[in-house]
Amino acid sequence: MTFHTHIAGIPCLCEVTHYSAARPMRITGTGFGDAEPPEPVEFEYRILDRRGRLAEWLERKVTQSDEARLLAEYRAEDSEAA
């Protein structure tokens, strides 16, 4: 999925290449070790210019707050598409 966004005030596109929602710990039995550990969110993306070309120079400007915002924007776009 690709959606419009901005990085450092510069309009661009975000192409999500992989997303996996977080999963809580799951107990699968009664014995020791009969559990699957929790898994964090996996969110991988590429930043593109407005013409759809890879913009590595802009991707280097992405901060942690930008990553959190991109994830929130992706989830909002994905819920609208569903």
PDB file of N, CA and C in Angstrom:
ATOM      1  N   MET A   1       0.848  -1.174   0.000  1.00  0.00           N
ATOM      2  CA  MET A   1       0.000   0.000   0.000  1.00  0.00           C
ATOM      3  C   MET A   1       0.895   1.239   0.000  1.00  0.00           C
ATOM      4  N   THR A   2       0.514   2.217  -0.762  1.00  0.00           N
ATOM      5  CA  THR A   2       1.237   3.482  -0.825  1.00  0.00           C
ATOM      6  C   THR A   2       0.279   4.610  -0.458  1.00  0.00           C
ATOM      7  N   PHE A   3       0.762   5.554   0.370  1.00  0.00           N
ATOM      8  CA  PHE A   3      -0.083   6.682   0.752  1.00  0.00           C
ATOM      9  C   PHE A   3       0.746   7.960   0.800  1.00  0.00           C
ATOM     10  N   HIS A   4       0.058   9.088   0.679  1.00  0.00           N
ATOM     11  CA  HIS A   4       0.696  10.406   0.710  1.00  0.00           C
ATOM     12  C   HIS A   4       0.994  10.801   2.150  1.00  0.00           C
ATOM     13  N   THR A   5       2.168  11.388   2.363  1.00  0.00           N
ATOM     14  CA  THR A   5       2.568  11.849   3.686  1.00  0.00           C
ATOM     15  C   THR A   5       3.606  12.959   3.515  1.00  0.00           C
ATOM     16  N   HIS A   6       4.338  13.256   4.575  1.00  0.00           N
ATOM     17  CA  HIS A   6       5.419  14.236   4.502  1.00  0.00           C
ATOM     18  C   HIS A   6       6.504  13.870   5.519  1.00  0.00           C
ATOM     19  N   ILE A   7       7.734  14.191   5.174  1.00  0.00           N
ATOM     20  CA  ILE A   7       8.882  13.987   6.050  1.00  0.00           C
ATOM     21  C   ILE A   7       9.633  15.311   6.096  1.00  0.00           C
ATOM     22  N   ALA A   8       9.890  15.814   7.282  1.00  0.00           N
ATOM     23  CA  ALA A   8      10.593  17.095   7.457  1.00  0.00           C
ATOM     24  C   ALA A   8       9.917  18.200   6.651  1.00  0.00           C
ATOM     25  N   GLY A   9       8.585  18.149   6.579  1.00  0.00           N
ATOM     26  CA  GLY A   9       7.824  19.162   5.858  1.00  0.00           C
ATOM     27  C   GLY A   9       7.817  18.986   4.351  1.00  0.00           C
ATOM     28  N   ILE A  10       8.432  17.929   3.843  1.00  0.00           N
ATOM     29  CA  ILE A  10       8.522  17.692   2.398  1.00  0.00           C
ATOM     30  C   ILE A  10       7.482  16.648   2.001  1.00  0.00           C
ATOM     31  N   PRO A  11       6.576  16.984   1.081  1.00  0.00           N
ATOM     32  CA  PRO A  11       5.572  16.012   0.632  1.00  0.00           C
ATOM     33  C   PRO A  11       6.240  14.818  -0.050  1.00  0.00           C
ATOM     34  N   CYS A  12       5.711  13.627   0.228  1.00  0.00           N
ATOM     35  CA  CYS A  12       6.275  12.416  -0.356  1.00  0.00           C
ATOM     36  C   CYS A  12       5.244  11.295  -0.284  1.00  0.00           C
ATOM     37  N   LEU A  13       5.664  10.113  -0.675  1.00  0.00           N
ATOM     38  CA  LEU A  13       4.835   8.917  -0.593  1.00  0.00           C
ATOM     39  C   LEU A  13       5.517   7.920   0.331  1.00  0.00           C
ATOM     40  N   CYS A  14       4.723   7.123   1.011  1.00  0.00           N
ATOM     41  CA  CYS A  14       5.243   6.043   1.847  1.00  0.00           C
ATOM     42  C   CYS A  14       4.692   4.736   1.287  1.00  0.00           C
ATOM     43  N   GLU A  15       5.596   3.868   0.867  1.00  0.00           N
ATOM     44  CA  GLU A  15       5.203   2.555   0.345  1.00  0.00           C
ATOM     45  C   GLU A  15       5.490   1.511   1.425  1.00  0.00           C
ATOM     46  N   VAL A  16       4.443   0.904   1.962  1.00  0.00           N
ATOM     47  CA  VAL A  16       4.597  -0.102   3.010  1.00  0.00           C
ATOM     48  C   VAL A  16       4.926  -1.433   2.336  1.00  0.00           C
ATOM     49  N   THR A  17       6.091  -1.988   2.699  1.00  0.00           N
ATOM     50  CA  THR A  17       6.541  -3.247   2.098  1.00  0.00           C
ATOM     51  C   THR A  17       6.218  -4.448   2.964  1.00  0.00           C
ATOM     52  N   HIS A  18       6.045  -4.214   4.289  1.00  0.00           N
ATOM     53  CA  HIS A  18       5.703  -5.322   5.189  1.00  0.00           C
ATOM     54  C   HIS A  18       5.048  -4.754   6.447  1.00  0.00           C
ATOM     55  N   TYR A  19       3.967  -5.404   6.880  1.00  0.00           N
ATOM     56  CA  TYR A  19       3.315  -5.039   8.135  1.00  0.00           C
ATOM     57  C   TYR A  19       2.798  -6.305   8.793  1.00  0.00           C
ATOM     58  N   SER A  20       3.090  -6.435  10.074  1.00  0.00           N
ATOM     59  CA  SER A  20       2.567  -7.531  10.869  1.00  0.00           C
ATOM     60  C   SER A  20       2.168  -6.944  12.222  1.00  0.00           C
ATOM     61  N   ALA A  21       0.921  -7.121  12.598  1.00  0.00           N
ATOM     62  CA  ALA A  21       0.419  -6.571  13.859  1.00  0.00           C
ATOM     63  C   ALA A  21       1.084  -7.262  15.047  1.00  0.00           C
ATOM     64  N   ALA A  22       1.130  -6.575  16.175  1.00  0.00           N
ATOM     65  CA  ALA A  22       1.682  -7.149  17.407  1.00  0.00           C
ATOM     66  C   ALA A  22       0.805  -8.315  17.852  1.00  0.00           C
ATOM     67  N   ARG A  23       1.449  -9.305  18.459  1.00  0.00           N
ATOM     68  CA  ARG A  23       0.711 -10.462  18.967  1.00  0.00           C
ATOM     69  C   ARG A  23       1.073 -10.667  20.430  1.00  0.00           C
ATOM     70  N   PRO A  24       0.074 -10.885  21.281  1.00  0.00           N
ATOM     71  CA  PRO A  24       0.364 -11.121  22.700  1.00  0.00           C
ATOM     72  C   PRO A  24       0.926 -12.539  22.902  1.00  0.00           C
ATOM     73  N   MET A  25       1.478 -12.775  24.091  1.00  0.00           N
ATOM     74  CA  MET A  25       1.954 -14.115  24.419  1.00  0.00           C
ATOM     75  C   MET A  25       0.788 -15.091  24.361  1.00  0.00           C
ATOM     76  N   ARG A  26       1.075 -16.292  23.881  1.00  0.00           N
ATOM     77  CA  ARG A  26       0.024 -17.293  23.749  1.00  0.00           C
ATOM     78  C   ARG A  26       0.480 -18.564  24.442  1.00  0.00           C
ATOM     79  N   ILE A  27      -0.352 -19.071  25.345  1.00  0.00           N
ATOM     80  CA  ILE A  27      -0.051 -20.316  26.053  1.00  0.00           C
ATOM     81  C   ILE A  27      -0.666 -21.457  25.255  1.00  0.00           C
ATOM     82  N   THR A  28       0.184 -22.442  24.926  1.00  0.00           N
ATOM     83  CA  THR A  28      -0.257 -23.530  24.050  1.00  0.00           C
ATOM     84  C   THR A  28      -0.421 -24.856  24.779  1.00  0.00           C
ATOM     85  N   GLY A  29      -0.066 -24.918  26.061  1.00  0.00           N
ATOM     86  CA  GLY A  29      -0.178 -26.169  26.814  1.00  0.00           C
ATOM     87  C   GLY A  29       0.046 -25.926  28.294  1.00  0.00           C
ATOM     88  N   THR A  30       0.216 -27.013  29.038  1.00  0.00           N
ATOM     89  CA  THR A  30       0.388 -26.891  30.486  1.00  0.00           C
ATOM     90  C   THR A  30       1.824 -27.095  30.933  1.00  0.00           C
ATOM     91  N   GLY A  31       2.686 -27.548  30.067  1.00  0.00           N
ATOM     92  CA  GLY A  31       4.069 -27.819  30.439  1.00  0.00           C
ATOM     93  C   GLY A  31       4.957 -26.585  30.354  1.00  0.00           C
ATOM     94  N   PHE A  32       6.143 -26.732  30.960  1.00  0.00           N
ATOM     95  CA  PHE A  32       7.129 -25.661  30.919  1.00  0.00           C
ATOM     96  C   PHE A  32       7.546 -25.416  29.465  1.00  0.00           C
ATOM     97  N   GLY A  33       7.471 -24.189  29.046  1.00  0.00           N
ATOM     98  CA  GLY A  33       7.855 -23.858  27.678  1.00  0.00           C
ATOM     99  C   GLY A  33       6.727 -23.993  26.670  1.00  0.00           C
ATOM    100  N   ASP A  34       5.543 -24.321  27.138  1.00  0.00           N
ATOM    101  CA  ASP A  34       4.401 -24.442  26.226  1.00  0.00           C
ATOM    102  C   ASP A  34       3.756 -23.072  26.022  1.00  0.00           C
ATOM    103  N   ALA A  35       4.536 -22.166  25.482  1.00  0.00           N
ATOM    104  CA  ALA A  35       4.026 -20.811  25.233  1.00  0.00           C
ATOM    105  C   ALA A  35       4.797 -20.203  24.073  1.00  0.00           C
ATOM    106  N   GLU A  36       4.138 -19.327  23.380  1.00  0.00           N
ATOM    107  CA  GLU A  36       4.785 -18.562  22.315  1.00  0.00           C
ATOM    108  C   GLU A  36       4.973 -17.145  22.834  1.00  0.00           C
ATOM    109  N   PRO A  37       6.178 -16.601  22.743  1.00  0.00           N
ATOM    110  CA  PRO A  37       6.424 -15.261  23.281  1.00  0.00           C
ATOM    111  C   PRO A  37       5.668 -14.193  22.497  1.00  0.00           C
ATOM    112  N   PRO A  38       5.469 -13.045  23.113  1.00  0.00           N
ATOM    113  CA  PRO A  38       4.796 -11.955  22.392  1.00  0.00           C
ATOM    114  C   PRO A  38       5.678 -11.463  21.248  1.00  0.00           C
ATOM    115  N   GLU A  39       5.040 -10.953  20.213  1.00  0.00           N
ATOM    116  CA  GLU A  39       5.764 -10.422  19.061  1.00  0.00           C
ATOM    117  C   GLU A  39       5.409  -8.958  18.881  1.00  0.00           C
ATOM    118  N   PRO A  40       6.410  -8.102  18.675  1.00  0.00           N
ATOM    119  CA  PRO A  40       6.134  -6.674  18.463  1.00  0.00           C
ATOM    120  C   PRO A  40       5.607  -6.415  17.056  1.00  0.00           C
ATOM    121  N   VAL A  41       5.157  -5.203  16.828  1.00  0.00           N
ATOM    122  CA  VAL A  41       4.711  -4.786  15.491  1.00  0.00           C
ATOM    123  C   VAL A  41       5.902  -4.797  14.542  1.00  0.00           C
ATOM    124  N   GLU A  42       5.691  -5.288  13.344  1.00  0.00           N
ATOM    125  CA  GLU A  42       6.705  -5.207  12.292  1.00  0.00           C
ATOM    126  C   GLU A  42       6.164  -4.258  11.229  1.00  0.00           C
ATOM    127  N   PHE A  43       6.922  -3.211  10.940  1.00  0.00           N
ATOM    128  CA  PHE A  43       6.479  -2.191   9.996  1.00  0.00           C
ATOM    129  C   PHE A  43       7.682  -1.771   9.158  1.00  0.00           C
ATOM    130  N   GLU A  44       7.674  -2.146   7.894  1.00  0.00           N
ATOM    131  CA  GLU A  44       8.762  -1.800   6.983  1.00  0.00           C
ATOM    132  C   GLU A  44       8.183  -0.998   5.827  1.00  0.00           C
ATOM    133  N   TYR A  45       8.932  -0.010   5.405  1.00  0.00           N
ATOM    134  CA  TYR A  45       8.435   0.898   4.364  1.00  0.00           C
ATOM    135  C   TYR A  45       9.592   1.477   3.574  1.00  0.00           C
ATOM    136  N   ARG A  46       9.238   2.120   2.463  1.00  0.00           N
ATOM    137  CA  ARG A  46      10.193   2.882   1.661  1.00  0.00           C
ATOM    138  C   ARG A  46       9.598   4.260   1.439  1.00  0.00           C
ATOM    139  N   ILE A  47      10.443   5.276   1.466  1.00  0.00           N
ATOM    140  CA  ILE A  47       9.993   6.638   1.202  1.00  0.00           C
ATOM    141  C   ILE A  47      10.267   6.944  -0.273  1.00  0.00           C
ATOM    142  N   LEU A  48       9.236   7.423  -0.947  1.00  0.00           N
ATOM    143  CA  LEU A  48       9.315   7.746  -2.371  1.00  0.00           C
ATOM    144  C   LEU A  48       9.040   9.226  -2.573  1.00  0.00           C
ATOM    145  N   ASP A  49       9.567   9.785  -3.655  1.00  0.00           N
ATOM    146  CA  ASP A  49       9.196  11.163  -3.979  1.00  0.00           C
ATOM    147  C   ASP A  49       7.774  11.164  -4.543  1.00  0.00           C
ATOM    148  N   ARG A  50       7.267  12.332  -4.863  1.00  0.00           N
ATOM    149  CA  ARG A  50       5.867  12.408  -5.318  1.00  0.00           C
ATOM    150  C   ARG A  50       5.649  11.746  -6.675  1.00  0.00           C
ATOM    151  N   ARG A  51       6.725  11.467  -7.402  1.00  0.00           N
ATOM    152  CA  ARG A  51       6.617  10.772  -8.692  1.00  0.00           C
ATOM    153  C   ARG A  51       6.770   9.259  -8.551  1.00  0.00           C
ATOM    154  N   GLY A  52       6.964   8.782  -7.307  1.00  0.00           N
ATOM    155  CA  GLY A  52       7.059   7.357  -7.067  1.00  0.00           C
ATOM    156  C   GLY A  52       8.472   6.790  -7.150  1.00  0.00           C
ATOM    157  N   ARG A  53       9.476   7.653  -7.200  1.00  0.00           N
ATOM    158  CA  ARG A  53      10.868   7.194  -7.247  1.00  0.00           C
ATOM    159  C   ARG A  53      11.433   7.113  -5.832  1.00  0.00           C
ATOM    160  N   LEU A  54      12.292   6.132  -5.603  1.00  0.00           N
ATOM    161  CA  LEU A  54      12.910   5.949  -4.293  1.00  0.00           C
ATOM    162  C   LEU A  54      13.665   7.211  -3.886  1.00  0.00           C
ATOM    163  N   ALA A  55      13.429   7.684  -2.654  1.00  0.00           N
ATOM    164  CA  ALA A  55      14.057   8.907  -2.147  1.00  0.00           C
ATOM    165  C   ALA A  55      14.858   8.574  -0.889  1.00  0.00           C
ATOM    166  N   GLU A  56      16.015   7.942  -1.090  1.00  0.00           N
ATOM    167  CA  GLU A  56      16.844   7.552   0.050  1.00  0.00           C
ATOM    168  C   GLU A  56      17.292   8.763   0.871  1.00  0.00           C
ATOM    169  N   TRP A  57      17.559   9.883   0.221  1.00  0.00           N
ATOM    170  CA  TRP A  57      17.992  11.100   0.916  1.00  0.00           C
ATOM    171  C   TRP A  57      16.912  11.572   1.890  1.00  0.00           C
ATOM    172  N   LEU A  58      15.651  11.385   1.518  1.00  0.00           N
ATOM    173  CA  LEU A  58      14.552  11.794   2.384  1.00  0.00           C
ATOM    174  C   LEU A  58      14.319  10.746   3.480  1.00  0.00           C
ATOM    175  N   GLU A  59      14.536   9.495   3.147  1.00  0.00           N
ATOM    176  CA  GLU A  59      14.369   8.420   4.127  1.00  0.00           C
ATOM    177  C   GLU A  59      15.357   8.585   5.289  1.00  0.00           C
ATOM    178  N   ARG A  60      16.523   9.139   5.021  1.00  0.00           N
ATOM    179  CA  ARG A  60      17.515   9.365   6.082  1.00  0.00           C
ATOM    180  C   ARG A  60      17.058  10.439   7.070  1.00  0.00           C
ATOM    181  N   LYS A  61      16.090  11.253   6.706  1.00  0.00           N
ATOM    182  CA  LYS A  61      15.582  12.313   7.579  1.00  0.00           C
ATOM    183  C   LYS A  61      14.461  11.825   8.501  1.00  0.00           C
ATOM    184  N   VAL A  62      14.039  10.579   8.360  1.00  0.00           N
ATOM    185  CA  VAL A  62      12.938  10.044   9.166  1.00  0.00           C
ATOM    186  C   VAL A  62      13.380   9.904  10.620  1.00  0.00           C
ATOM    187  N   THR A  63      12.582  10.463  11.531  1.00  0.00           N
ATOM    188  CA  THR A  63      12.841  10.377  12.972  1.00  0.00           C
ATOM    189  C   THR A  63      11.938   9.306  13.589  1.00  0.00           C
ATOM    190  N   GLN A  64      12.150   9.027  14.871  1.00  0.00           N
ATOM    191  CA  GLN A  64      11.293   8.054  15.558  1.00  0.00           C
ATOM    192  C   GLN A  64       9.850   8.537  15.618  1.00  0.00           C
ATOM    193  N   SER A  65       9.646   9.828  15.808  1.00  0.00           N
ATOM    194  CA  SER A  65       8.271  10.343  15.830  1.00  0.00           C
ATOM    195  C   SER A  65       7.642  10.239  14.445  1.00  0.00           C
ATOM    196  N   ASP A  66       8.448  10.423  13.389  1.00  0.00           N
ATOM    197  CA  ASP A  66       7.932  10.227  12.027  1.00  0.00           C
ATOM    198  C   ASP A  66       7.500   8.776  11.834  1.00  0.00           C
ATOM    199  N   GLU A  67       8.310   7.824  12.326  1.00  0.00           N
ATOM    200  CA  GLU A  67       7.962   6.403  12.182  1.00  0.00           C
ATOM    201  C   GLU A  67       6.648   6.089  12.884  1.00  0.00           C
ATOM    202  N   ALA A  68       6.452   6.637  14.082  1.00  0.00           N
ATOM    203  CA  ALA A  68       5.197   6.413  14.810  1.00  0.00           C
ATOM    204  C   ALA A  68       4.025   7.019  14.036  1.00  0.00           C
ATOM    205  N   ARG A  69       4.225   8.220  13.470  1.00  0.00           N
ATOM    206  CA  ARG A  69       3.166   8.867  12.692  1.00  0.00           C
ATOM    207  C   ARG A  69       2.872   8.070  11.420  1.00  0.00           C
ATOM    208  N   LEU A  70       3.924   7.580  10.738  1.00  0.00           N
ATOM    209  CA  LEU A  70       3.718   6.784   9.520  1.00  0.00           C
ATOM    210  C   LEU A  70       2.919   5.524   9.823  1.00  0.00           C
ATOM    211  N   LEU A  71       3.235   4.869  10.949  1.00  0.00           N
ATOM    212  CA  LEU A  71       2.486   3.674  11.339  1.00  0.00           C
ATOM    213  C   LEU A  71       1.021   4.022  11.596  1.00  0.00           C
ATOM    214  N   ALA A  72       0.767   5.129  12.296  1.00  0.00           N
ATOM    215  CA  ALA A  72      -0.614   5.559  12.564  1.00  0.00           C
ATOM    216  C   ALA A  72      -1.339   5.901  11.265  1.00  0.00           C
ATOM    217  N   GLU A  73      -0.653   6.586  10.353  1.00  0.00           N
ATOM    218  CA  GLU A  73      -1.263   6.928   9.061  1.00  0.00           C
ATOM    219  C   GLU A  73      -1.559   5.664   8.258  1.00  0.00           C
ATOM    220  N   TYR A  74      -0.643   4.695   8.299  1.00  0.00           N
ATOM    221  CA  TYR A  74      -0.868   3.436   7.584  1.00  0.00           C
ATOM    222  C   TYR A  74      -2.098   2.725   8.139  1.00  0.00           C
ATOM    223  N   ARG A  75      -2.186   2.643   9.464  1.00  0.00           N
ATOM    224  CA  ARG A  75      -3.339   1.959  10.073  1.00  0.00           C
ATOM    225  C   ARG A  75      -4.639   2.662   9.716  1.00  0.00           C
ATOM    226  N   ALA A  76      -4.626   4.005   9.681  1.00  0.00           N
ATOM    227  CA  ALA A  76      -5.842   4.749   9.312  1.00  0.00           C
ATOM    228  C   ALA A  76      -6.203   4.484   7.856  1.00  0.00           C
ATOM    229  N   GLU A  77      -5.211   4.517   6.969  1.00  0.00           N
ATOM    230  CA  GLU A  77      -5.468   4.244   5.543  1.00  0.00           C
ATOM    231  C   GLU A  77      -5.978   2.819   5.347  1.00  0.00           C
ATOM    232  N   ASP A  78      -5.362   1.864   6.072  1.00  0.00           N
ATOM    233  CA  ASP A  78      -5.740   0.468   5.933  1.00  0.00           C
ATOM    234  C   ASP A  78      -7.158   0.221   6.424  1.00  0.00           C
ATOM    235  N   SER A  79      -7.556   0.904   7.526  1.00  0.00           N
ATOM    236  CA  SER A  79      -8.910   0.711   8.033  1.00  0.00           C
ATOM    237  C   SER A  79      -9.954   1.340   7.103  1.00  0.00           C
ATOM    238  N   GLU A  80      -9.587   2.426   6.416  1.00  0.00           N
ATOM    239  CA  GLU A  80     -10.495   3.034   5.447  1.00  0.00           C
ATOM    240  C   GLU A  80     -10.675   2.132   4.215  1.00  0.00           C
ATOM    241  N   ALA A  81      -9.608   1.454   3.820  1.00  0.00           N
ATOM    242  CA  ALA A  81      -9.653   0.592   2.647  1.00  0.00           C
ATOM    243  C   ALA A  81     -10.449  -0.686   2.913  1.00  0.00           C
ATOM    244  N   ALA A  82     -10.533  -1.095   4.179  1.00  0.00           N
ATOM    245  CA  ALA A  82     -11.229  -2.348   4.515  1.00  0.00           C
ATOM    246  C   ALA A  82     -12.712  -2.208   4.560  1.00  0.00           C
TER     247      ALA A  82
END
